[in-house]
C-alpha cells in the first residue's frame, strides 16, 4: 500500500487517463482500491433477503469481478459517472454467480412466475392494479399464502428490478432501477430507450402509494429495508413483501405492455 488516503478527483482523473492510455496494472490496482467500497456497498444491498448460508464476503468477491469488468470497458468519452456505470455491472456479476450456484428452489421460482402472470392477466382485464385479494383469488390461494410467497421471493424481486430490460451489455442498457434512480438524465435521442423509460415510469406511477414509496426510498434515496420499515411503521420482513409485490406488479405490467 503506497497511499494512506483516497486520491482526490483530479488524481483519479489522472489515474483513469493513464490507465486507458497504457493499461498499466499498478494504475488499475489503484483504481480498484478507490472503488472497492462501492463493491461492498452493492454486496450489502444484494445480501438483503438472502439466507444466512450466503456469505457477504462471497458476494463482495463476486462483485469485484464486475468492478474489474467495468474498469476495463468504461469509456471516458461517455458523459456518465463511473459509479453509475459500475453499479449495474457489480450487481450483475453478483446475481449471475448466485444464479450459477442455483440456490433458489425451483418451486419458489415457479411461484414467482405464477404471481407475475396473475398480475399481468388481471391488469389487462381490470385496467388497474389488482388488489392482493384479487391476485390470491386468481391463484386459488388465501392472502396469508400470497404474503408468504412475497417473503420467499424477496431476493428474486431485487434481482428482477436490476435486470436489464433492454438489449446490450450489462451496464449499457436500461434497468428498472435506472428509471427510479436516474432522474437527472436528459433525453438521449434513442427512441427505444426513451419509449421503454416511458413505459416503466407509467407502470411505476400506477403502483400503490406504499409500493412506490418503498421502491423510491430503496433505489433512489438509498435507505435500507430496515430503515424503510421504521419510516412506514412496519417490520423489515413486511417491507420485503411490499418490495416483492411491487416488482412482480411491474414485471406483469411490462409483460402486458410488450404483448400489446
C-alpha atoms as a PDB file:
ATOM      1  CA  UNK A   1       0.000   0.000   0.000  1.00  0.00           C
ATOM      2  CA  UNK A   2       1.631   3.231  -1.097  1.00  0.00           C
ATOM      3  CA  UNK A   3      -1.328   5.536  -0.412  1.00  0.00           C
ATOM      4  CA  UNK A   4      -2.745   6.299   3.035  1.00  0.00           C
ATOM      5  CA  UNK A   5      -5.635   8.449   1.827  1.00  0.00           C
ATOM      6  CA  UNK A   6      -8.124   8.152  -1.003  1.00  0.00           C
ATOM      7  CA  UNK A   7      -6.972  10.038  -4.083  1.00  0.00           C
ATOM      8  CA  UNK A   8      -8.794  13.243  -4.910  1.00  0.00           C
ATOM      9  CA  UNK A   9     -10.867  13.837  -8.008  1.00  0.00           C
ATOM     10  CA  UNK A  10      -8.000  15.328 -10.032  1.00  0.00           C
ATOM     11  CA  UNK A  11      -5.717  12.445  -9.118  1.00  0.00           C
ATOM     12  CA  UNK A  12      -8.387   9.883 -10.037  1.00  0.00           C
ATOM     13  CA  UNK A  13      -8.855  11.571 -13.405  1.00  0.00           C
ATOM     14  CA  UNK A  14      -5.126  11.281 -13.916  1.00  0.00           C
ATOM     15  CA  UNK A  15      -5.223   7.581 -12.995  1.00  0.00           C
ATOM     16  CA  UNK A  16      -8.029   6.987 -15.481  1.00  0.00           C
ATOM     17  CA  UNK A  17      -6.288   8.787 -18.312  1.00  0.00           C
ATOM     18  CA  UNK A  18      -3.015   6.969 -17.642  1.00  0.00           C
ATOM     19  CA  UNK A  19      -4.636   3.548 -17.366  1.00  0.00           C
ATOM     20  CA  UNK A  20      -6.707   3.908 -20.518  1.00  0.00           C
ATOM     21  CA  UNK A  21      -3.621   5.050 -22.425  1.00  0.00           C
ATOM     22  CA  UNK A  22      -1.162   2.485 -21.078  1.00  0.00           C
ATOM     23  CA  UNK A  23      -3.116  -0.360 -19.440  1.00  0.00           C
ATOM     24  CA  UNK A  24      -0.600  -0.269 -16.597  1.00  0.00           C
ATOM     25  CA  UNK A  25      -1.552  -2.853 -13.959  1.00  0.00           C
ATOM     26  CA  UNK A  26      -0.370  -0.790 -10.987  1.00  0.00           C
ATOM     27  CA  UNK A  27      -2.608   2.105 -12.013  1.00  0.00           C
ATOM     28  CA  UNK A  28      -5.562  -0.215 -12.459  1.00  0.00           C
ATOM     29  CA  UNK A  29      -4.963  -1.553  -8.953  1.00  0.00           C
ATOM     30  CA  UNK A  30      -5.173   1.988  -7.547  1.00  0.00           C
ATOM     31  CA  UNK A  31      -8.496   2.481  -9.311  1.00  0.00           C
ATOM     32  CA  UNK A  32      -9.752  -0.827  -7.905  1.00  0.00           C
ATOM     33  CA  UNK A  33      -8.768   0.160  -4.361  1.00  0.00           C
ATOM     34  CA  UNK A  34     -10.531   3.508  -4.751  1.00  0.00           C
ATOM     35  CA  UNK A  35     -13.802   1.917  -5.844  1.00  0.00           C
ATOM     36  CA  UNK A  36     -13.689  -1.168  -3.583  1.00  0.00           C
ATOM     37  CA  UNK A  37     -16.129   0.433  -1.087  1.00  0.00           C
ATOM     38  CA  UNK A  38     -18.669   0.618  -3.911  1.00  0.00           C
ATOM     39  CA  UNK A  39     -18.472  -3.165  -4.279  1.00  0.00           C
ATOM     40  CA  UNK A  40     -19.026  -3.660  -0.548  1.00  0.00           C
ATOM     41  CA  UNK A  41     -21.993  -1.279  -0.652  1.00  0.00           C
ATOM     42  CA  UNK A  42     -23.633  -3.124  -3.555  1.00  0.00           C
ATOM     43  CA  UNK A  43     -22.947  -6.513  -1.940  1.00  0.00           C
ATOM     44  CA  UNK A  44     -24.608  -5.389   1.288  1.00  0.00           C
ATOM     45  CA  UNK A  45     -27.687  -4.280  -0.656  1.00  0.00           C
ATOM     46  CA  UNK A  46     -27.931  -7.548  -2.581  1.00  0.00           C
ATOM     47  CA  UNK A  47     -27.476  -9.532   0.658  1.00  0.00           C
ATOM     48  CA  UNK A  48     -30.870  -8.353   1.915  1.00  0.00           C
ATOM     49  CA  UNK A  49     -33.289 -11.263   1.866  1.00  0.00           C
ATOM     50  CA  UNK A  50     -30.644 -13.910   1.227  1.00  0.00           C
ATOM     51  CA  UNK A  51     -30.314 -16.863   3.617  1.00  0.00           C
ATOM     52  CA  UNK A  52     -27.547 -16.703   6.227  1.00  0.00           C
ATOM     53  CA  UNK A  53     -25.732 -19.509   4.401  1.00  0.00           C
ATOM     54  CA  UNK A  54     -24.776 -16.981   1.703  1.00  0.00           C
ATOM     55  CA  UNK A  55     -21.640 -15.222   2.952  1.00  0.00           C
ATOM     56  CA  UNK A  56     -21.500 -11.484   2.263  1.00  0.00           C
ATOM     57  CA  UNK A  57     -17.758 -11.832   1.745  1.00  0.00           C
ATOM     58  CA  UNK A  58     -18.503 -14.163  -1.160  1.00  0.00           C
ATOM     59  CA  UNK A  59     -20.879 -11.590  -2.622  1.00  0.00           C
ATOM     60  CA  UNK A  60     -18.131  -8.975  -2.407  1.00  0.00           C
ATOM     61  CA  UNK A  61     -15.731 -11.333  -4.196  1.00  0.00           C
ATOM     62  CA  UNK A  62     -18.272 -11.872  -6.979  1.00  0.00           C
ATOM     63  CA  UNK A  63     -18.797  -8.123  -7.216  1.00  0.00           C
ATOM     64  CA  UNK A  64     -15.072  -7.466  -7.638  1.00  0.00           C
ATOM     65  CA  UNK A  65     -15.220  -9.274 -10.978  1.00  0.00           C
ATOM     66  CA  UNK A  66     -17.949  -6.859 -12.006  1.00  0.00           C
ATOM     67  CA  UNK A  67     -15.829  -3.897 -10.921  1.00  0.00           C
ATOM     68  CA  UNK A  68     -12.835  -5.132 -12.925  1.00  0.00           C
ATOM     69  CA  UNK A  69     -15.064  -5.628 -15.948  1.00  0.00           C
ATOM     70  CA  UNK A  70     -16.466  -2.114 -15.546  1.00  0.00           C
ATOM     71  CA  UNK A  71     -12.980  -0.592 -15.309  1.00  0.00           C
ATOM     72  CA  UNK A  72     -11.886  -2.385 -18.481  1.00  0.00           C
ATOM     73  CA  UNK A  73     -14.929  -1.401 -20.504  1.00  0.00           C
ATOM     74  CA  UNK A  74     -15.635   2.103 -19.195  1.00  0.00           C
ATOM     75  CA  UNK A  75     -15.371   4.721 -21.922  1.00  0.00           C
ATOM     76  CA  UNK A  76     -14.036   8.048 -20.635  1.00  0.00           C
ATOM     77  CA  UNK A  77     -15.651   9.793 -23.598  1.00  0.00           C
ATOM     78  CA  UNK A  78     -19.133   8.903 -22.385  1.00  0.00           C
ATOM     79  CA  UNK A  79     -20.764  11.601 -20.323  1.00  0.00           C
ATOM     80  CA  UNK A  80     -21.697   9.419 -17.350  1.00  0.00           C
ATOM     81  CA  UNK A  81     -20.268   8.867 -13.888  1.00  0.00           C
ATOM     82  CA  UNK A  82     -18.224   5.713 -13.470  1.00  0.00           C
ATOM     83  CA  UNK A  83     -20.180   4.809 -10.319  1.00  0.00           C
ATOM     84  CA  UNK A  84     -23.442   4.802 -12.274  1.00  0.00           C
ATOM     85  CA  UNK A  85     -21.903   2.554 -14.926  1.00  0.00           C
ATOM     86  CA  UNK A  86     -20.162   0.241 -12.454  1.00  0.00           C
ATOM     87  CA  UNK A  87     -23.080  -0.453 -10.108  1.00  0.00           C
ATOM     88  CA  UNK A  88     -25.013  -2.318 -12.808  1.00  0.00           C
ATOM     89  CA  UNK A  89     -22.001  -4.493 -13.649  1.00  0.00           C
ATOM     90  CA  UNK A  90     -21.180  -5.178  -9.978  1.00  0.00           C
ATOM     91  CA  UNK A  91     -24.771  -6.188  -9.237  1.00  0.00           C
ATOM     92  CA  UNK A  92     -24.875  -8.222 -12.408  1.00  0.00           C
ATOM     93  CA  UNK A  93     -21.725 -10.153 -11.525  1.00  0.00           C
ATOM     94  CA  UNK A  94     -23.113 -10.979  -8.070  1.00  0.00           C
ATOM     95  CA  UNK A  95     -26.517 -12.009  -9.364  1.00  0.00           C
ATOM     96  CA  UNK A  96     -25.015 -14.056 -12.201  1.00  0.00           C
ATOM     97  CA  UNK A  97     -22.908 -16.019  -9.724  1.00  0.00           C
ATOM     98  CA  UNK A  98     -25.872 -16.598  -7.415  1.00  0.00           C
ATOM     99  CA  UNK A  99     -27.847 -17.905 -10.364  1.00  0.00           C
ATOM    100  CA  UNK A 100     -24.921 -20.126 -11.363  1.00  0.00           C
ATOM    101  CA  UNK A 101     -24.966 -21.864  -7.979  1.00  0.00           C
ATOM    102  CA  UNK A 102     -28.786 -22.059  -8.337  1.00  0.00           C
ATOM    103  CA  UNK A 103     -29.596 -21.862  -4.637  1.00  0.00           C
ATOM    104  CA  UNK A 104     -33.208 -20.765  -5.178  1.00  0.00           C
ATOM    105  CA  UNK A 105     -35.583 -23.771  -5.235  1.00  0.00           C
ATOM    106  CA  UNK A 106     -37.450 -24.300  -8.497  1.00  0.00           C
ATOM    107  CA  UNK A 107     -40.726 -24.234  -6.576  1.00  0.00           C
ATOM    108  CA  UNK A 108     -40.002 -20.668  -5.445  1.00  0.00           C
ATOM    109  CA  UNK A 109     -39.171 -19.588  -8.995  1.00  0.00           C
ATOM    110  CA  UNK A 110     -42.388 -21.208 -10.225  1.00  0.00           C
ATOM    111  CA  UNK A 111     -44.432 -19.342  -7.611  1.00  0.00           C
ATOM    112  CA  UNK A 112     -42.833 -16.041  -8.587  1.00  0.00           C
ATOM    113  CA  UNK A 113     -43.700 -16.697 -12.235  1.00  0.00           C
ATOM    114  CA  UNK A 114     -47.284 -17.597 -11.323  1.00  0.00           C
ATOM    115  CA  UNK A 115     -47.797 -14.408  -9.315  1.00  0.00           C
ATOM    116  CA  UNK A 116     -46.242 -12.309 -12.087  1.00  0.00           C
ATOM    117  CA  UNK A 117     -48.607 -13.935 -14.585  1.00  0.00           C
ATOM    118  CA  UNK A 118     -51.602 -13.267 -12.347  1.00  0.00           C
ATOM    119  CA  UNK A 119     -50.699  -9.583 -12.143  1.00  0.00           C
ATOM    120  CA  UNK A 120     -50.356  -9.367 -15.927  1.00  0.00           C
ATOM    121  CA  UNK A 121     -53.698 -11.108 -16.545  1.00  0.00           C
ATOM    122  CA  UNK A 122     -55.646  -9.068 -14.001  1.00  0.00           C
ATOM    123  CA  UNK A 123     -54.027  -5.803 -15.066  1.00  0.00           C
ATOM    124  CA  UNK A 124     -55.196  -6.447 -18.639  1.00  0.00           C
ATOM    125  CA  UNK A 125     -58.707  -7.384 -17.541  1.00  0.00           C
ATOM    126  CA  UNK A 126     -59.263  -4.708 -14.887  1.00  0.00           C
ATOM    127  CA  UNK A 127     -57.231  -1.846 -16.438  1.00  0.00           C
ATOM    128  CA  UNK A 128     -55.836  -1.092 -12.986  1.00  0.00           C
ATOM    129  CA  UNK A 129     -53.537  -2.662 -10.412  1.00  0.00           C
ATOM    130  CA  UNK A 130     -55.274  -5.666  -8.837  1.00  0.00           C
ATOM    131  CA  UNK A 131     -55.630  -5.946  -5.071  1.00  0.00           C
ATOM    132  CA  UNK A 132     -53.940  -8.662  -3.047  1.00  0.00           C
ATOM    133  CA  UNK A 133     -57.324 -10.331  -2.586  1.00  0.00           C
ATOM    134  CA  UNK A 134     -57.895 -10.415  -6.358  1.00  0.00           C
ATOM    135  CA  UNK A 135     -54.436 -11.873  -7.004  1.00  0.00           C
ATOM    136  CA  UNK A 136     -54.922 -14.511  -4.293  1.00  0.00           C
ATOM    137  CA  UNK A 137     -58.300 -15.457  -5.787  1.00  0.00           C
ATOM    138  CA  UNK A 138     -56.782 -15.743  -9.277  1.00  0.00           C
ATOM    139  CA  UNK A 139     -54.142 -18.121  -7.885  1.00  0.00           C
ATOM    140  CA  UNK A 140     -56.703 -20.015  -5.776  1.00  0.00           C
ATOM    141  CA  UNK A 141     -54.791 -19.333  -2.554  1.00  0.00           C
ATOM    142  CA  UNK A 142     -55.508 -17.286   0.570  1.00  0.00           C
ATOM    143  CA  UNK A 143     -53.920 -13.958   1.481  1.00  0.00           C
ATOM    144  CA  UNK A 144     -51.554 -15.485   4.054  1.00  0.00           C
ATOM    145  CA  UNK A 145     -50.097 -17.797   1.408  1.00  0.00           C
ATOM    146  CA  UNK A 146     -49.721 -14.877  -1.038  1.00  0.00           C
ATOM    147  CA  UNK A 147     -47.823 -12.838   1.567  1.00  0.00           C
ATOM    148  CA  UNK A 148     -45.633 -15.877   2.271  1.00  0.00           C
ATOM    149  CA  UNK A 149     -44.773 -16.065  -1.432  1.00  0.00           C
ATOM    150  CA  UNK A 150     -43.790 -12.387  -1.413  1.00  0.00           C
ATOM    151  CA  UNK A 151     -41.439 -13.078   1.503  1.00  0.00           C
ATOM    152  CA  UNK A 152     -39.859 -16.147  -0.107  1.00  0.00           C
ATOM    153  CA  UNK A 153     -39.127 -14.390  -3.385  1.00  0.00           C
ATOM    154  CA  UNK A 154     -37.668 -11.205  -1.887  1.00  0.00           C
ATOM    155  CA  UNK A 155     -34.242 -11.768  -3.462  1.00  0.00           C
ATOM    156  CA  UNK A 156     -35.737 -12.720  -6.809  1.00  0.00           C
ATOM    157  CA  UNK A 157     -37.581  -9.414  -6.671  1.00  0.00           C
ATOM    158  CA  UNK A 158     -34.437  -7.396  -6.036  1.00  0.00           C
ATOM    159  CA  UNK A 159     -32.606  -9.267  -8.781  1.00  0.00           C
ATOM    160  CA  UNK A 160     -35.503  -8.688 -11.163  1.00  0.00           C
ATOM    161  CA  UNK A 161     -35.537  -4.952 -10.579  1.00  0.00           C
ATOM    162  CA  UNK A 162     -31.884  -4.744 -11.511  1.00  0.00           C
ATOM    163  CA  UNK A 163     -32.098  -6.858 -14.649  1.00  0.00           C
ATOM    164  CA  UNK A 164     -31.511  -5.021 -17.883  1.00  0.00           C
ATOM    165  CA  UNK A 165     -34.767  -4.867 -19.799  1.00  0.00           C
ATOM    166  CA  UNK A 166     -33.224  -3.533 -22.981  1.00  0.00           C
ATOM    167  CA  UNK A 167     -30.579  -5.323 -25.027  1.00  0.00           C
ATOM    168  CA  UNK A 168     -26.876  -4.649 -24.795  1.00  0.00           C
ATOM    169  CA  UNK A 169     -24.058  -5.472 -22.446  1.00  0.00           C
ATOM    170  CA  UNK A 170     -24.543  -5.151 -18.733  1.00  0.00           C
ATOM    171  CA  UNK A 171     -24.220  -1.519 -17.784  1.00  0.00           C
ATOM    172  CA  UNK A 172     -25.220  -0.426 -21.294  1.00  0.00           C
ATOM    173  CA  UNK A 173     -28.966  -0.995 -21.141  1.00  0.00           C
ATOM    174  CA  UNK A 174     -31.787   0.428 -19.070  1.00  0.00           C
ATOM    175  CA  UNK A 175     -32.835  -1.202 -15.813  1.00  0.00           C
ATOM    176  CA  UNK A 176     -35.995  -0.712 -13.838  1.00  0.00           C
ATOM    177  CA  UNK A 177     -33.805   0.687 -11.086  1.00  0.00           C
ATOM    178  CA  UNK A 178     -32.425   3.291 -13.511  1.00  0.00           C
ATOM    179  CA  UNK A 179     -35.931   4.572 -14.084  1.00  0.00           C
ATOM    180  CA  UNK A 180     -36.267   5.470 -10.430  1.00  0.00           C
ATOM    181  CA  UNK A 181     -32.697   6.442  -9.666  1.00  0.00           C
ATOM    182  CA  UNK A 182     -31.573   8.401 -12.703  1.00  0.00           C
ATOM    183  CA  UNK A 183     -33.971  11.322 -12.682  1.00  0.00           C
ATOM    184  CA  UNK A 184     -31.376  13.800 -13.919  1.00  0.00           C
ATOM    185  CA  UNK A 185     -30.627  12.130 -17.238  1.00  0.00           C
ATOM    186  CA  UNK A 186     -31.825  14.106 -20.246  1.00  0.00           C
ATOM    187  CA  UNK A 187     -33.350  12.560 -23.352  1.00  0.00           C
ATOM    188  CA  UNK A 188     -30.657  10.658 -25.209  1.00  0.00           C
ATOM    189  CA  UNK A 189     -32.312  10.652 -28.580  1.00  0.00           C
ATOM    190  CA  UNK A 190     -32.542   6.879 -28.508  1.00  0.00           C
ATOM    191  CA  UNK A 191     -36.227   6.275 -29.246  1.00  0.00           C
ATOM    192  CA  UNK A 192     -36.395   2.700 -27.987  1.00  0.00           C
ATOM    193  CA  UNK A 193     -34.656   3.568 -24.731  1.00  0.00           C
ATOM    194  CA  UNK A 194     -36.909   6.540 -24.112  1.00  0.00           C
ATOM    195  CA  UNK A 195     -40.018   4.557 -25.003  1.00  0.00           C
ATOM    196  CA  UNK A 196     -39.006   1.869 -22.519  1.00  0.00           C
ATOM    197  CA  UNK A 197     -38.386   4.535 -19.904  1.00  0.00           C
ATOM    198  CA  UNK A 198     -41.845   5.985 -20.582  1.00  0.00           C
ATOM    199  CA  UNK A 199     -43.479   2.580 -20.130  1.00  0.00           C
ATOM    200  CA  UNK A 200     -41.571   1.962 -16.899  1.00  0.00           C
ATOM    201  CA  UNK A 201     -42.377   5.370 -15.447  1.00  0.00           C
ATOM    202  CA  UNK A 202     -46.048   4.877 -16.297  1.00  0.00           C
ATOM    203  CA  UNK A 203     -46.028   1.425 -14.680  1.00  0.00           C
ATOM    204  CA  UNK A 204     -44.377   2.745 -11.518  1.00  0.00           C
ATOM    205  CA  UNK A 205     -46.810   5.635 -11.292  1.00  0.00           C
ATOM    206  CA  UNK A 206     -49.714   3.186 -11.339  1.00  0.00           C
ATOM    207  CA  UNK A 207     -48.420   1.285  -8.313  1.00  0.00           C
ATOM    208  CA  UNK A 208     -49.943   1.823  -4.890  1.00  0.00           C
ATOM    209  CA  UNK A 209     -48.515   4.577  -2.696  1.00  0.00           C
ATOM    210  CA  UNK A 210     -46.648   2.206  -0.363  1.00  0.00           C
ATOM    211  CA  UNK A 211     -45.138   0.253  -3.252  1.00  0.00           C
ATOM    212  CA  UNK A 212     -43.941   3.454  -4.932  1.00  0.00           C
ATOM    213  CA  UNK A 213     -42.531   4.720  -1.639  1.00  0.00           C
ATOM    214  CA  UNK A 214     -40.598   1.512  -0.961  1.00  0.00           C
ATOM    215  CA  UNK A 215     -39.059   1.475  -4.443  1.00  0.00           C
ATOM    216  CA  UNK A 216     -38.181   5.164  -4.332  1.00  0.00           C
ATOM    217  CA  UNK A 217     -36.648   5.057  -0.837  1.00  0.00           C
ATOM    218  CA  UNK A 218     -34.685   1.884  -1.605  1.00  0.00           C
ATOM    219  CA  UNK A 219     -33.398   2.619  -5.109  1.00  0.00           C
ATOM    220  CA  UNK A 220     -33.297   6.401  -5.222  1.00  0.00           C
ATOM    221  CA  UNK A 221     -32.787   7.549  -1.626  1.00  0.00           C
ATOM    222  CA  UNK A 222     -30.532   4.643  -0.635  1.00  0.00           C
ATOM    223  CA  UNK A 223     -32.417   3.617   2.517  1.00  0.00           C
ATOM    224  CA  UNK A 224     -32.097   0.056   3.785  1.00  0.00           C
ATOM    225  CA  UNK A 225     -35.206  -2.094   4.071  1.00  0.00           C
ATOM    226  CA  UNK A 226     -34.965  -1.861   7.857  1.00  0.00           C
ATOM    227  CA  UNK A 227     -34.891   1.942   7.698  1.00  0.00           C
ATOM    228  CA  UNK A 228     -37.868   1.958   5.344  1.00  0.00           C
ATOM    229  CA  UNK A 229     -39.711  -0.240   7.829  1.00  0.00           C
ATOM    230  CA  UNK A 230     -39.131   2.359  10.541  1.00  0.00           C
ATOM    231  CA  UNK A 231     -40.464   5.110   8.261  1.00  0.00           C
ATOM    232  CA  UNK A 232     -43.585   3.103   7.372  1.00  0.00           C
ATOM    233  CA  UNK A 233     -44.038   1.706  10.867  1.00  0.00           C
ATOM    234  CA  UNK A 234     -43.830  -1.924   9.731  1.00  0.00           C
ATOM    235  CA  UNK A 235     -41.309  -4.751  10.074  1.00  0.00           C
ATOM    236  CA  UNK A 236     -38.401  -5.274   7.694  1.00  0.00           C
ATOM    237  CA  UNK A 237     -39.981  -8.536   6.521  1.00  0.00           C
ATOM    238  CA  UNK A 238     -43.147  -6.622   5.636  1.00  0.00           C
ATOM    239  CA  UNK A 239     -41.080  -4.168   3.577  1.00  0.00           C
ATOM    240  CA  UNK A 240     -39.566  -7.178   1.755  1.00  0.00           C
ATOM    241  CA  UNK A 241     -43.091  -8.339   0.972  1.00  0.00           C
ATOM    242  CA  UNK A 242     -44.109  -4.908  -0.333  1.00  0.00           C
ATOM    243  CA  UNK A 243     -40.951  -4.733  -2.433  1.00  0.00           C
ATOM    244  CA  UNK A 244     -41.511  -8.177  -3.954  1.00  0.00           C
ATOM    245  CA  UNK A 245     -45.151  -7.326  -4.672  1.00  0.00           C
ATOM    246  CA  UNK A 246     -44.125  -4.075  -6.406  1.00  0.00           C
ATOM    247  CA  UNK A 247     -41.555  -5.810  -8.591  1.00  0.00           C
ATOM    248  CA  UNK A 248     -43.948  -8.549  -9.690  1.00  0.00           C
ATOM    249  CA  UNK A 249     -46.564  -5.918 -10.484  1.00  0.00           C
ATOM    250  CA  UNK A 250     -44.030  -4.034 -12.599  1.00  0.00           C
ATOM    251  CA  UNK A 251     -42.960  -7.153 -14.453  1.00  0.00           C
ATOM    252  CA  UNK A 252     -46.586  -8.029 -15.047  1.00  0.00           C
ATOM    253  CA  UNK A 253     -47.305  -4.544 -16.400  1.00  0.00           C
ATOM    254  CA  UNK A 254     -44.248  -4.663 -18.647  1.00  0.00           C
ATOM    255  CA  UNK A 255     -45.200  -8.079 -19.967  1.00  0.00           C
ATOM    256  CA  UNK A 256     -48.669  -6.774 -20.766  1.00  0.00           C
ATOM    257  CA  UNK A 257     -47.226  -3.684 -22.472  1.00  0.00           C
ATOM    258  CA  UNK A 258     -44.816  -5.675 -24.637  1.00  0.00           C
ATOM    259  CA  UNK A 259     -47.603  -8.049 -25.662  1.00  0.00           C
ATOM    260  CA  UNK A 260     -49.915  -5.200 -26.588  1.00  0.00           C
END
